[in-house]
Amino acid sequence: MGFFILIWAVLDIFFMIESLPINVDLFAIFTTIELCLSLDAASNFARADGKEVSKALIKAAGAFGFISGLLGYYSCAAFMCQDSLPFSFPVGDTSRFFQKYRKSA
């Protein structure tokens, strides 16, 4: 099971890097998911070796998963309410820092 979760953690690295030019909120979501998956994989490997640290690792993974869920709810609320409310939620737009790297269409 640890290798399966580790594969998802590696895939999430690509999502995390690609979300950086969009906004800080999405980057934070993928960063916390990365920490959650990495700690979960480490917990599975530690449990397979019979180590007690696996319980602490799985609790830490759950905490980062919970934080990721909260950030996801915030991101969803920000994107759903941006057109219907007279104000907007700050999500930390980072696209202005990556303009020179974009290809001209």
Protein backbone atom coordinates (compact mmCIF):
# COMPACT_ATOMS: atom_id res chain seq x y z
CA MET A 1 0.00 0.00 0.00
CA GLY A 2 2.91 2.34 0.71
CA PHE A 3 4.15 2.18 -2.88
CA PHE A 4 0.67 2.96 -4.26
CA ILE A 5 0.40 6.07 -2.09
CA LEU A 6 3.97 7.02 -2.95
CA ILE A 7 3.10 6.96 -6.66
CA TRP A 8 0.26 9.40 -5.97
CA ALA A 9 2.67 11.59 -4.01
CA VAL A 10 5.03 11.73 -6.99
CA LEU A 11 2.14 12.60 -9.31
CA ASP A 12 1.04 15.31 -6.91
CA ILE A 13 4.46 16.97 -7.19
CA PHE A 14 3.69 17.73 -10.84
CA PHE A 15 0.28 19.16 -9.93
CA MET A 16 1.89 21.26 -7.20
CA ILE A 17 4.49 22.71 -9.57
CA GLU A 18 1.92 23.45 -12.26
CA SER A 19 -0.40 25.20 -9.78
CA LEU A 20 2.25 27.73 -8.78
CA PRO A 21 1.53 30.16 -11.67
CA ILE A 22 -2.21 30.12 -10.86
CA ASN A 23 -2.58 31.19 -7.23
CA VAL A 24 -1.29 30.62 -3.73
CA ASP A 25 -4.43 28.82 -2.57
CA LEU A 26 -4.13 26.00 -5.10
CA PHE A 27 -0.40 25.71 -4.44
CA ALA A 28 -1.13 25.41 -0.70
CA ILE A 29 -3.74 22.73 -1.38
CA PHE A 30 -1.34 20.61 -3.41
CA THR A 31 1.48 21.20 -0.92
CA THR A 32 -0.61 19.94 2.00
CA ILE A 33 -1.82 17.01 -0.09
CA GLU A 34 1.82 16.20 -0.88
CA LEU A 35 2.69 16.22 2.81
CA CYS A 36 -0.36 14.09 3.59
CA LEU A 37 0.48 11.48 0.96
CA SER A 38 4.17 11.38 1.86
CA LEU A 39 3.45 10.93 5.55
CA ASP A 40 0.81 8.31 4.79
CA ALA A 41 3.25 6.34 2.63
CA ALA A 42 5.91 6.62 5.35
CA SER A 43 3.36 5.39 7.87
CA ASN A 44 2.59 2.32 5.75
CA PHE A 45 6.30 1.53 5.36
CA ALA A 46 6.89 1.98 9.11
CA ARG A 47 3.90 -0.23 9.95
CA ALA A 48 5.23 -2.92 7.61
CA ASP A 49 8.50 -2.83 9.57
CA GLY A 50 6.61 -3.06 12.86
CA LYS A 51 7.60 0.39 14.13
CA GLU A 52 5.45 2.34 16.57
CA VAL A 53 6.15 5.64 14.83
CA SER A 54 3.55 4.67 12.20
CA LYS A 55 0.74 5.84 14.48
CA ALA A 56 2.23 9.31 14.81
CA LEU A 57 2.87 9.50 11.07
CA ILE A 58 -0.71 8.61 10.20
CA LYS A 59 -2.01 11.25 12.64
CA ALA A 60 0.24 13.87 11.04
CA ALA A 61 -0.94 12.76 7.59
CA GLY A 62 -4.54 13.15 8.72
CA ALA A 63 -3.84 16.66 10.02
CA PHE A 64 -2.39 17.73 6.68
CA GLY A 65 -5.30 16.08 4.89
CA PHE A 66 -7.73 18.03 7.06
CA ILE A 67 -5.90 21.30 6.34
CA SER A 68 -6.03 20.49 2.63
CA GLY A 69 -9.78 19.95 2.88
CA LEU A 70 -10.25 23.31 4.60
CA LEU A 71 -8.20 25.02 1.91
CA GLY A 72 -10.29 23.25 -0.73
CA TYR A 73 -13.51 24.57 0.79
CA TYR A 74 -12.03 28.07 0.85
CA SER A 75 -10.96 27.79 -2.79
CA CYS A 76 -14.38 26.54 -3.82
CA ALA A 77 -16.10 29.37 -1.97
CA ALA A 78 -13.75 31.92 -3.52
CA PHE A 79 -14.36 30.74 -7.07
CA MET A 80 -18.12 30.31 -6.65
CA CYS A 81 -18.65 33.70 -5.04
CA GLN A 82 -16.37 35.82 -7.24
CA ASP A 83 -19.14 36.64 -9.72
CA SER A 84 -22.11 36.82 -7.38
CA LEU A 85 -20.78 38.91 -4.47
CA PRO A 86 -19.67 42.55 -4.52
CA PHE A 87 -16.34 41.55 -2.95
CA SER A 88 -13.90 38.73 -3.59
CA PHE A 89 -11.99 36.35 -1.38
CA PRO A 90 -8.22 36.71 -1.64
CA VAL A 91 -6.58 33.68 -3.22
CA GLY A 92 -3.13 35.15 -3.89
CA ASP A 93 -2.92 35.51 -7.66
CA THR A 94 0.60 34.62 -8.80
CA SER A 95 0.13 34.87 -12.56
CA ARG A 96 1.85 38.27 -12.74
CA PHE A 97 5.14 36.69 -11.61
CA PHE A 98 5.08 34.17 -14.47
CA GLN A 99 4.16 36.41 -17.43
CA LYS A 100 7.63 36.36 -18.97
CA TYR A 101 7.65 32.55 -19.06
CA ARG A 102 4.37 32.25 -20.95
CA LYS A 103 4.48 31.55 -24.66
CA SER A 104 2.80 33.98 -27.01
CA ALA A 105 -0.11 32.45 -28.81
